[in-house]
Amino acid sequence: MADVFRALDDRTRRLVLDELVARDGQTLFEICTTLVTRHGVSSTRQAISQHLAVLEDAGLVVTERRGRTKIHHFDGAPLATIAARWPTSREDTP
């Protein structure tokens, strides 16, 4: 769970997740282009690749290979696990 919190502690990684939620199944090139055009994030492809690796290690991003292309997908399961840990209201507690 600490990996998830660490992954979410960076603005760029949160933007990457936002973009994958908006349109799942993007390549590194597509993610970089979107970050520049929509958010003004001018990080290098290598830097974005490193951010994606952190997100993947935390289980928030899963990848699939299509030939030489790597496609990135959002996985909300780790966030659901965190959300399930805390009740949303006093009525939810035993």
PDB file of N, CA and C in Angstrom:
ATOM      1  N   MET A   1       0.813  -1.187   0.000  1.00  0.00           N
ATOM      2  CA  MET A   1       0.000   0.000   0.000  1.00  0.00           C
ATOM      3  C   MET A   1       0.864   1.262   0.000  1.00  0.00           C
ATOM      4  N   ALA A   2       2.026   1.192   0.609  1.00  0.00           N
ATOM      5  CA  ALA A   2       2.920   2.348   0.634  1.00  0.00           C
ATOM      6  C   ALA A   2       3.341   2.744  -0.778  1.00  0.00           C
ATOM      7  N   ASP A   3       3.487   1.753  -1.670  1.00  0.00           N
ATOM      8  CA  ASP A   3       3.844   2.054  -3.059  1.00  0.00           C
ATOM      9  C   ASP A   3       2.769   2.898  -3.735  1.00  0.00           C
ATOM     10  N   VAL A   4       1.523   2.638  -3.413  1.00  0.00           N
ATOM     11  CA  VAL A   4       0.421   3.389  -4.011  1.00  0.00           C
ATOM     12  C   VAL A   4       0.470   4.841  -3.546  1.00  0.00           C
ATOM     13  N   PHE A   5       0.659   5.050  -2.242  1.00  0.00           N
ATOM     14  CA  PHE A   5       0.740   6.411  -1.720  1.00  0.00           C
ATOM     15  C   PHE A   5       1.949   7.144  -2.317  1.00  0.00           C
ATOM     16  N   ARG A   6       3.067   6.466  -2.424  1.00  0.00           N
ATOM     17  CA  ARG A   6       4.263   7.068  -3.012  1.00  0.00           C
ATOM     18  C   ARG A   6       4.015   7.435  -4.474  1.00  0.00           C
ATOM     19  N   ALA A   7       3.342   6.564  -5.202  1.00  0.00           N
ATOM     20  CA  ALA A   7       3.054   6.827  -6.609  1.00  0.00           C
ATOM     21  C   ALA A   7       2.136   8.033  -6.771  1.00  0.00           C
ATOM     22  N   LEU A   8       1.185   8.180  -5.878  1.00  0.00           N
ATOM     23  CA  LEU A   8       0.222   9.282  -5.965  1.00  0.00           C
ATOM     24  C   LEU A   8       0.775  10.598  -5.434  1.00  0.00           C
ATOM     25  N   ASP A   9       1.958  10.561  -4.842  1.00  0.00           N
ATOM     26  CA  ASP A   9       2.552  11.747  -4.231  1.00  0.00           C
ATOM     27  C   ASP A   9       3.185  12.688  -5.257  1.00  0.00           C
ATOM     28  N   ASP A  10       3.064  12.389  -6.531  1.00  0.00           N
ATOM     29  CA  ASP A  10       3.681  13.208  -7.567  1.00  0.00           C
ATOM     30  C   ASP A  10       2.607  13.729  -8.523  1.00  0.00           C
ATOM     31  N   ARG A  11       2.634  15.026  -8.787  1.00  0.00           N
ATOM     32  CA  ARG A  11       1.628  15.654  -9.652  1.00  0.00           C
ATOM     33  C   ARG A  11       1.625  15.054 -11.053  1.00  0.00           C
ATOM     34  N   THR A  12       2.791  14.840 -11.620  1.00  0.00           N
ATOM     35  CA  THR A  12       2.869  14.294 -12.977  1.00  0.00           C
ATOM     36  C   THR A  12       2.254  12.904 -13.042  1.00  0.00           C
ATOM     37  N   ARG A  13       2.526  12.067 -12.046  1.00  0.00           N
ATOM     38  CA  ARG A  13       1.945  10.722 -12.038  1.00  0.00           C
ATOM     39  C   ARG A  13       0.430  10.778 -11.899  1.00  0.00           C
ATOM     40  N   ARG A  14      -0.077  11.725 -11.103  1.00  0.00           N
ATOM     41  CA  ARG A  14      -1.529  11.872 -10.989  1.00  0.00           C
ATOM     42  C   ARG A  14      -2.125  12.314 -12.320  1.00  0.00           C
ATOM     43  N   LEU A  15      -1.426  13.196 -13.045  1.00  0.00           N
ATOM     44  CA  LEU A  15      -1.900  13.623 -14.362  1.00  0.00           C
ATOM     45  C   LEU A  15      -1.908  12.451 -15.346  1.00  0.00           C
ATOM     46  N   VAL A  16      -0.882  11.612 -15.288  1.00  0.00           N
ATOM     47  CA  VAL A  16      -0.835  10.428 -16.153  1.00  0.00           C
ATOM     48  C   VAL A  16      -2.043   9.542 -15.873  1.00  0.00           C
ATOM     49  N   LEU A  17      -2.342   9.310 -14.600  1.00  0.00           N
ATOM     50  CA  LEU A  17      -3.511   8.490 -14.250  1.00  0.00           C
ATOM     51  C   LEU A  17      -4.800   9.146 -14.737  1.00  0.00           C
ATOM     52  N   ASP A  18      -4.915  10.459 -14.559  1.00  0.00           N
ATOM     53  CA  ASP A  18      -6.108  11.166 -15.044  1.00  0.00           C
ATOM     54  C   ASP A  18      -6.298  10.957 -16.537  1.00  0.00           C
ATOM     55  N   GLU A  19      -5.209  11.038 -17.284  1.00  0.00           N
ATOM     56  CA  GLU A  19      -5.296  10.877 -18.741  1.00  0.00           C
ATOM     57  C   GLU A  19      -5.636   9.434 -19.133  1.00  0.00           C
ATOM     58  N   LEU A  20      -5.132   8.468 -18.373  1.00  0.00           N
ATOM     59  CA  LEU A  20      -5.471   7.071 -18.662  1.00  0.00           C
ATOM     60  C   LEU A  20      -6.917   6.763 -18.300  1.00  0.00           C
ATOM     61  N   VAL A  21      -7.442   7.436 -17.287  1.00  0.00           N
ATOM     62  CA  VAL A  21      -8.854   7.265 -16.955  1.00  0.00           C
ATOM     63  C   VAL A  21      -9.711   7.870 -18.074  1.00  0.00           C
ATOM     64  N   ALA A  22      -9.287   9.026 -18.576  1.00  0.00           N
ATOM     65  CA  ALA A  22     -10.037   9.693 -19.647  1.00  0.00           C
ATOM     66  C   ALA A  22     -10.014   8.887 -20.939  1.00  0.00           C
ATOM     67  N   ARG A  23      -8.859   8.294 -21.244  1.00  0.00           N
ATOM     68  CA  ARG A  23      -8.737   7.473 -22.458  1.00  0.00           C
ATOM     69  C   ARG A  23      -7.728   6.368 -22.179  1.00  0.00           C
ATOM     70  N   ASP A  24      -8.231   5.211 -21.891  1.00  0.00           N
ATOM     71  CA  ASP A  24      -7.394   4.069 -21.524  1.00  0.00           C
ATOM     72  C   ASP A  24      -6.690   3.497 -22.761  1.00  0.00           C
ATOM     73  N   GLY A  25      -5.562   2.850 -22.538  1.00  0.00           N
ATOM     74  CA  GLY A  25      -4.859   2.174 -23.621  1.00  0.00           C
ATOM     75  C   GLY A  25      -4.001   3.097 -24.457  1.00  0.00           C
ATOM     76  N   GLN A  26      -3.131   3.865 -23.812  1.00  0.00           N
ATOM     77  CA  GLN A  26      -2.282   4.817 -24.528  1.00  0.00           C
ATOM     78  C   GLN A  26      -0.824   4.364 -24.555  1.00  0.00           C
ATOM     79  N   THR A  27      -0.134   4.779 -25.596  1.00  0.00           N
ATOM     80  CA  THR A  27       1.303   4.537 -25.702  1.00  0.00           C
ATOM     81  C   THR A  27       2.047   5.635 -24.947  1.00  0.00           C
ATOM     82  N   LEU A  28       3.332   5.438 -24.752  1.00  0.00           N
ATOM     83  CA  LEU A  28       4.176   6.454 -24.121  1.00  0.00           C
ATOM     84  C   LEU A  28       4.118   7.751 -24.919  1.00  0.00           C
ATOM     85  N   PHE A  29       4.202   7.659 -26.239  1.00  0.00           N
ATOM     86  CA  PHE A  29       4.154   8.845 -27.093  1.00  0.00           C
ATOM     87  C   PHE A  29       2.837   9.602 -26.899  1.00  0.00           C
ATOM     88  N   GLU A  30       1.728   8.885 -26.861  1.00  0.00           N
ATOM     89  CA  GLU A  30       0.426   9.534 -26.675  1.00  0.00           C
ATOM     90  C   GLU A  30       0.324  10.209 -25.313  1.00  0.00           C
ATOM     91  N   ILE A  31       0.825   9.548 -24.287  1.00  0.00           N
ATOM     92  CA  ILE A  31       0.790  10.130 -22.943  1.00  0.00           C
ATOM     93  C   ILE A  31       1.638  11.391 -22.897  1.00  0.00           C
ATOM     94  N   CYS A  32       2.842  11.340 -23.441  1.00  0.00           N
ATOM     95  CA  CYS A  32       3.728  12.518 -23.455  1.00  0.00           C
ATOM     96  C   CYS A  32       3.083  13.680 -24.196  1.00  0.00           C
ATOM     97  N   THR A  33       2.491  13.386 -25.345  1.00  0.00           N
ATOM     98  CA  THR A  33       1.849  14.427 -26.150  1.00  0.00           C
ATOM     99  C   THR A  33       0.695  15.071 -25.388  1.00  0.00           C
ATOM    100  N   THR A  34      -0.116  14.267 -24.749  1.00  0.00           N
ATOM    101  CA  THR A  34      -1.253  14.778 -23.988  1.00  0.00           C
ATOM    102  C   THR A  34      -0.793  15.625 -22.808  1.00  0.00           C
ATOM    103  N   LEU A  35       0.245  15.182 -22.120  1.00  0.00           N
ATOM    104  CA  LEU A  35       0.745  15.945 -20.976  1.00  0.00           C
ATOM    105  C   LEU A  35       1.248  17.321 -21.400  1.00  0.00           C
ATOM    106  N   VAL A  36       1.893  17.387 -22.554  1.00  0.00           N
ATOM    107  CA  VAL A  36       2.390  18.672 -23.048  1.00  0.00           C
ATOM    108  C   VAL A  36       1.241  19.568 -23.485  1.00  0.00           C
ATOM    109  N   THR A  37       0.332  19.037 -24.297  1.00  0.00           N
ATOM    110  CA  THR A  37      -0.726  19.872 -24.873  1.00  0.00           C
ATOM    111  C   THR A  37      -1.793  20.281 -23.868  1.00  0.00           C
ATOM    112  N   ARG A  38      -2.174  19.402 -22.973  1.00  0.00           N
ATOM    113  CA  ARG A  38      -3.259  19.723 -22.031  1.00  0.00           C
ATOM    114  C   ARG A  38      -2.779  20.321 -20.714  1.00  0.00           C
ATOM    115  N   HIS A  39      -1.567  19.948 -20.294  1.00  0.00           N
ATOM    116  CA  HIS A  39      -1.131  20.333 -18.947  1.00  0.00           C
ATOM    117  C   HIS A  39       0.176  21.117 -18.916  1.00  0.00           C
ATOM    118  N   GLY A  40       0.814  21.281 -20.051  1.00  0.00           N
ATOM    119  CA  GLY A  40       2.063  22.029 -20.089  1.00  0.00           C
ATOM    120  C   GLY A  40       3.229  21.323 -19.415  1.00  0.00           C
ATOM    121  N   VAL A  41       3.125  20.030 -19.237  1.00  0.00           N
ATOM    122  CA  VAL A  41       4.209  19.249 -18.623  1.00  0.00           C
ATOM    123  C   VAL A  41       5.219  18.914 -19.718  1.00  0.00           C
ATOM    124  N   SER A  42       6.402  19.459 -19.600  1.00  0.00           N
ATOM    125  CA  SER A  42       7.397  19.270 -20.655  1.00  0.00           C
ATOM    126  C   SER A  42       8.522  18.334 -20.210  1.00  0.00           C
ATOM    127  N   SER A  43       8.161  17.242 -19.589  1.00  0.00           N
ATOM    128  CA  SER A  43       9.152  16.244 -19.181  1.00  0.00           C
ATOM    129  C   SER A  43       9.595  15.438 -20.400  1.00  0.00           C
ATOM    130  N   THR A  44      10.770  14.848 -20.306  1.00  0.00           N
ATOM    131  CA  THR A  44      11.265  14.012 -21.389  1.00  0.00           C
ATOM    132  C   THR A  44      10.503  12.693 -21.422  1.00  0.00           C
ATOM    133  N   ARG A  45      10.597  12.006 -22.553  1.00  0.00           N
ATOM    134  CA  ARG A  45       9.968  10.676 -22.653  1.00  0.00           C
ATOM    135  C   ARG A  45      10.538   9.743 -21.604  1.00  0.00           C
ATOM    136  N   GLN A  46      11.845   9.852 -21.344  1.00  0.00           N
ATOM    137  CA  GLN A  46      12.475   8.999 -20.345  1.00  0.00           C
ATOM    138  C   GLN A  46      11.894   9.277 -18.959  1.00  0.00           C
ATOM    139  N   ALA A  47      11.668  10.539 -18.633  1.00  0.00           N
ATOM    140  CA  ALA A  47      11.101  10.886 -17.324  1.00  0.00           C
ATOM    141  C   ALA A  47       9.678  10.340 -17.193  1.00  0.00           C
ATOM    142  N   ILE A  48       8.868  10.478 -18.247  1.00  0.00           N
ATOM    143  CA  ILE A  48       7.502   9.956 -18.210  1.00  0.00           C
ATOM    144  C   ILE A  48       7.531   8.432 -18.122  1.00  0.00           C
ATOM    145  N   SER A  49       8.477   7.812 -18.807  1.00  0.00           N
ATOM    146  CA  SER A  49       8.634   6.364 -18.735  1.00  0.00           C
ATOM    147  C   SER A  49       8.951   5.928 -17.304  1.00  0.00           C
ATOM    148  N   GLN A  50       9.775   6.692 -16.611  1.00  0.00           N
ATOM    149  CA  GLN A  50      10.094   6.384 -15.220  1.00  0.00           C
ATOM    150  C   GLN A  50       8.866   6.556 -14.331  1.00  0.00           C
ATOM    151  N   HIS A  51       8.073   7.591 -14.580  1.00  0.00           N
ATOM    152  CA  HIS A  51       6.826   7.782 -13.827  1.00  0.00           C
ATOM    153  C   HIS A  51       5.890   6.591 -14.061  1.00  0.00           C
ATOM    154  N   LEU A  52       5.791   6.143 -15.306  1.00  0.00           N
ATOM    155  CA  LEU A  52       4.947   4.991 -15.613  1.00  0.00           C
ATOM    156  C   LEU A  52       5.446   3.735 -14.909  1.00  0.00           C
ATOM    157  N   ALA A  53       6.744   3.585 -14.783  1.00  0.00           N
ATOM    158  CA  ALA A  53       7.309   2.428 -14.072  1.00  0.00           C
ATOM    159  C   ALA A  53       6.913   2.445 -12.596  1.00  0.00           C
ATOM    160  N   VAL A  54       6.924   3.624 -11.986  1.00  0.00           N
ATOM    161  CA  VAL A  54       6.508   3.745 -10.579  1.00  0.00           C
ATOM    162  C   VAL A  54       5.031   3.383 -10.444  1.00  0.00           C
ATOM    163  N   LEU A  55       4.216   3.884 -11.377  1.00  0.00           N
ATOM    164  CA  LEU A  55       2.784   3.569 -11.350  1.00  0.00           C
ATOM    165  C   LEU A  55       2.542   2.080 -11.581  1.00  0.00           C
ATOM    166  N   GLU A  56       3.325   1.485 -12.448  1.00  0.00           N
ATOM    167  CA  GLU A  56       3.196   0.054 -12.718  1.00  0.00           C
ATOM    168  C   GLU A  56       3.617  -0.763 -11.494  1.00  0.00           C
ATOM    169  N   ASP A  57       4.700  -0.374 -10.842  1.00  0.00           N
ATOM    170  CA  ASP A  57       5.154  -1.068  -9.632  1.00  0.00           C
ATOM    171  C   ASP A  57       4.102  -1.002  -8.522  1.00  0.00           C
ATOM    172  N   ALA A  58       3.345   0.099  -8.485  1.00  0.00           N
ATOM    173  CA  ALA A  58       2.298   0.263  -7.476  1.00  0.00           C
ATOM    174  C   ALA A  58       1.013  -0.453  -7.866  1.00  0.00           C
ATOM    175  N   GLY A  59       0.961  -0.989  -9.081  1.00  0.00           N
ATOM    176  CA  GLY A  59      -0.223  -1.706  -9.538  1.00  0.00           C
ATOM    177  C   GLY A  59      -1.307  -0.813 -10.119  1.00  0.00           C
ATOM    178  N   LEU A  60      -1.023   0.478 -10.280  1.00  0.00           N
ATOM    179  CA  LEU A  60      -2.010   1.419 -10.796  1.00  0.00           C
ATOM    180  C   LEU A  60      -2.062   1.442 -12.325  1.00  0.00           C
ATOM    181  N   VAL A  61      -1.007   0.959 -12.945  1.00  0.00           N
ATOM    182  CA  VAL A  61      -0.940   0.869 -14.408  1.00  0.00           C
ATOM    183  C   VAL A  61      -0.502  -0.537 -14.777  1.00  0.00           C
ATOM    184  N   VAL A  62      -1.183  -1.112 -15.732  1.00  0.00           N
ATOM    185  CA  VAL A  62      -0.772  -2.393 -16.302  1.00  0.00           C
ATOM    186  C   VAL A  62      -0.477  -2.165 -17.776  1.00  0.00           C
ATOM    187  N   THR A  63       0.422  -2.970 -18.306  1.00  0.00           N
ATOM    188  CA  THR A  63       0.823  -2.779 -19.697  1.00  0.00           C
ATOM    189  C   THR A  63       0.613  -4.059 -20.492  1.00  0.00           C
ATOM    190  N   GLU A  64       0.485  -3.863 -21.776  1.00  0.00           N
ATOM    191  CA  GLU A  64       0.448  -4.990 -22.706  1.00  0.00           C
ATOM    192  C   GLU A  64       1.322  -4.622 -23.889  1.00  0.00           C
ATOM    193  N   ARG A  65       1.932  -5.612 -24.458  1.00  0.00           N
ATOM    194  CA  ARG A  65       2.780  -5.400 -25.638  1.00  0.00           C
ATOM    195  C   ARG A  65       1.998  -5.746 -26.890  1.00  0.00           C
ATOM    196  N   ARG A  66       2.115  -4.870 -27.870  1.00  0.00           N
ATOM    197  CA  ARG A  66       1.588  -5.123 -29.211  1.00  0.00           C
ATOM    198  C   ARG A  66       2.753  -4.901 -30.166  1.00  0.00           C
ATOM    199  N   GLY A  67       3.426  -5.990 -30.473  1.00  0.00           N
ATOM    200  CA  GLY A  67       4.651  -5.865 -31.266  1.00  0.00           C
ATOM    201  C   GLY A  67       5.703  -5.138 -30.448  1.00  0.00           C
ATOM    202  N   ARG A  68       6.212  -4.057 -30.999  1.00  0.00           N
ATOM    203  CA  ARG A  68       7.218  -3.255 -30.290  1.00  0.00           C
ATOM    204  C   ARG A  68       6.597  -2.167 -29.439  1.00  0.00           C
ATOM    205  N   THR A  69       5.279  -2.047 -29.488  1.00  0.00           N
ATOM    206  CA  THR A  69       4.577  -0.972 -28.778  1.00  0.00           C
ATOM    207  C   THR A  69       4.071  -1.465 -27.429  1.00  0.00           C
ATOM    208  N   LYS A  70       4.224  -0.624 -26.428  1.00  0.00           N
ATOM    209  CA  LYS A  70       3.739  -0.926 -25.088  1.00  0.00           C
ATOM    210  C   LYS A  70       2.517  -0.046 -24.830  1.00  0.00           C
ATOM    211  N   ILE A  71       1.390  -0.676 -24.508  1.00  0.00           N
ATOM    212  CA  ILE A  71       0.133   0.022 -24.254  1.00  0.00           C
ATOM    213  C   ILE A  71      -0.109   0.051 -22.743  1.00  0.00           C
ATOM    214  N   HIS A  72      -0.475   1.220 -22.226  1.00  0.00           N
ATOM    215  CA  HIS A  72      -0.669   1.421 -20.794  1.00  0.00           C
ATOM    216  C   HIS A  72      -2.157   1.530 -20.469  1.00  0.00           C
ATOM    217  N   HIS A  73      -2.557   0.832 -19.397  1.00  0.00           N
ATOM    218  CA  HIS A  73      -3.948   0.818 -18.950  1.00  0.00           C
ATOM    219  C   HIS A  73      -3.998   1.156 -17.462  1.00  0.00           C
ATOM    220  N   PHE A  74      -5.032   1.897 -17.072  1.00  0.00           N
ATOM    221  CA  PHE A  74      -5.278   2.218 -15.670  1.00  0.00           C
ATOM    222  C   PHE A  74      -5.904   1.014 -14.969  1.00  0.00           C
ATOM    223  N   ASP A  75      -5.469   0.748 -13.736  1.00  0.00           N
ATOM    224  CA  ASP A  75      -6.067  -0.291 -12.894  1.00  0.00           C
ATOM    225  C   ASP A  75      -6.411   0.344 -11.552  1.00  0.00           C
ATOM    226  N   GLY A  76      -7.682   0.497 -11.273  1.00  0.00           N
ATOM    227  CA  GLY A  76      -8.126   1.151 -10.043  1.00  0.00           C
ATOM    228  C   GLY A  76      -8.202   0.258  -8.827  1.00  0.00           C
ATOM    229  N   ALA A  77      -7.867  -1.015  -8.965  1.00  0.00           N
ATOM    230  CA  ALA A  77      -7.976  -1.947  -7.835  1.00  0.00           C
ATOM    231  C   ALA A  77      -7.189  -1.502  -6.600  1.00  0.00           C
ATOM    232  N   PRO A  78      -5.938  -1.033  -6.736  1.00  0.00           N
ATOM    233  CA  PRO A  78      -5.225  -0.589  -5.532  1.00  0.00           C
ATOM    234  C   PRO A  78      -5.912   0.584  -4.828  1.00  0.00           C
ATOM    235  N   LEU A  79      -6.524   1.470  -5.600  1.00  0.00           N
ATOM    236  CA  LEU A  79      -7.247   2.595  -4.989  1.00  0.00           C
ATOM    237  C   LEU A  79      -8.504   2.101  -4.285  1.00  0.00           C
ATOM    238  N   ALA A  80      -9.171   1.128  -4.857  1.00  0.00           N
ATOM    239  CA  ALA A  80     -10.365   0.554  -4.225  1.00  0.00           C
ATOM    240  C   ALA A  80     -10.005  -0.109  -2.903  1.00  0.00           C
ATOM    241  N   THR A  81      -8.852  -0.757  -2.865  1.00  0.00           N
ATOM    242  CA  THR A  81      -8.388  -1.397  -1.625  1.00  0.00           C
ATOM    243  C   THR A  81      -8.162  -0.357  -0.542  1.00  0.00           C
ATOM    244  N   ILE A  82      -7.570   0.766  -0.920  1.00  0.00           N
ATOM    245  CA  ILE A  82      -7.338   1.845   0.057  1.00  0.00           C
ATOM    246  C   ILE A  82      -8.665   2.424   0.518  1.00  0.00           C
ATOM    247  N   ALA A  83      -9.565   2.692  -0.427  1.00  0.00           N
ATOM    248  CA  ALA A  83     -10.869   3.272  -0.086  1.00  0.00           C
ATOM    249  C   ALA A  83     -11.676   2.341   0.812  1.00  0.00           C
ATOM    250  N   ALA A  84     -11.573   1.046   0.595  1.00  0.00           N
ATOM    251  CA  ALA A  84     -12.326   0.083   1.404  1.00  0.00           C
ATOM    252  C   ALA A  84     -11.808   0.008   2.832  1.00  0.00           C
ATOM    253  N   ARG A  85     -10.607   0.472   3.039  1.00  0.00           N
ATOM    254  CA  ARG A  85      -9.998   0.400   4.370  1.00  0.00           C
ATOM    255  C   ARG A  85     -10.674   1.349   5.355  1.00  0.00           C
ATOM    256  N   TRP A  86     -11.167   2.481   4.864  1.00  0.00           N
ATOM    257  CA  TRP A  86     -11.793   3.462   5.739  1.00  0.00           C
ATOM    258  C   TRP A  86     -13.278   3.566   5.438  1.00  0.00           C
ATOM    259  N   PRO A  87     -14.118   3.505   6.459  1.00  0.00           N
ATOM    260  CA  PRO A  87     -15.563   3.659   6.227  1.00  0.00           C
ATOM    261  C   PRO A  87     -15.873   5.080   5.772  1.00  0.00           C
ATOM    262  N   THR A  88     -16.954   5.221   5.002  1.00  0.00           N
ATOM    263  CA  THR A  88     -17.311   6.543   4.480  1.00  0.00           C
ATOM    264  C   THR A  88     -18.154   7.348   5.463  1.00  0.00           C
ATOM    265  N   SER A  89     -18.799   6.676   6.414  1.00  0.00           N
ATOM    266  CA  SER A  89     -19.579   7.386   7.431  1.00  0.00           C
ATOM    267  C   SER A  89     -19.579   6.568   8.713  1.00  0.00           C
ATOM    268  N   ARG A  90     -20.024   7.173   9.758  1.00  0.00           N
ATOM    269  CA  ARG A  90     -20.094   6.485  11.057  1.00  0.00           C
ATOM    270  C   ARG A  90     -21.063   5.312  11.006  1.00  0.00           C
ATOM    271  N   GLU A  91     -22.040   5.372  10.142  1.00  0.00           N
ATOM    272  CA  GLU A  91     -23.010   4.286  10.020  1.00  0.00           C
ATOM    273  C   GLU A  91     -22.378   3.007   9.469  1.00  0.00           C
ATOM    274  N   ASP A  92     -21.258   3.160   8.754  1.00  0.00           N
ATOM    275  CA  ASP A  92     -20.586   2.001   8.161  1.00  0.00           C
ATOM    276  C   ASP A  92     -19.771   1.210   9.174  1.00  0.00           C
ATOM    277  N   THR A  93     -19.469   1.785  10.317  1.00  0.00           N
ATOM    278  CA  THR A  93     -18.647   1.089  11.301  1.00  0.00           C
ATOM    279  C   THR A  93     -19.516   0.163  12.146  1.00  0.00           C
ATOM    280  N   PRO A  94     -18.943  -0.970  12.542  1.00  0.00           N
ATOM    281  CA  PRO A  94     -19.714  -1.928  13.363  1.00  0.00           C
ATOM    282  C   PRO A  94     -19.945  -1.449  14.769  1.00  0.00           C
TER     283      PRO A  94
END
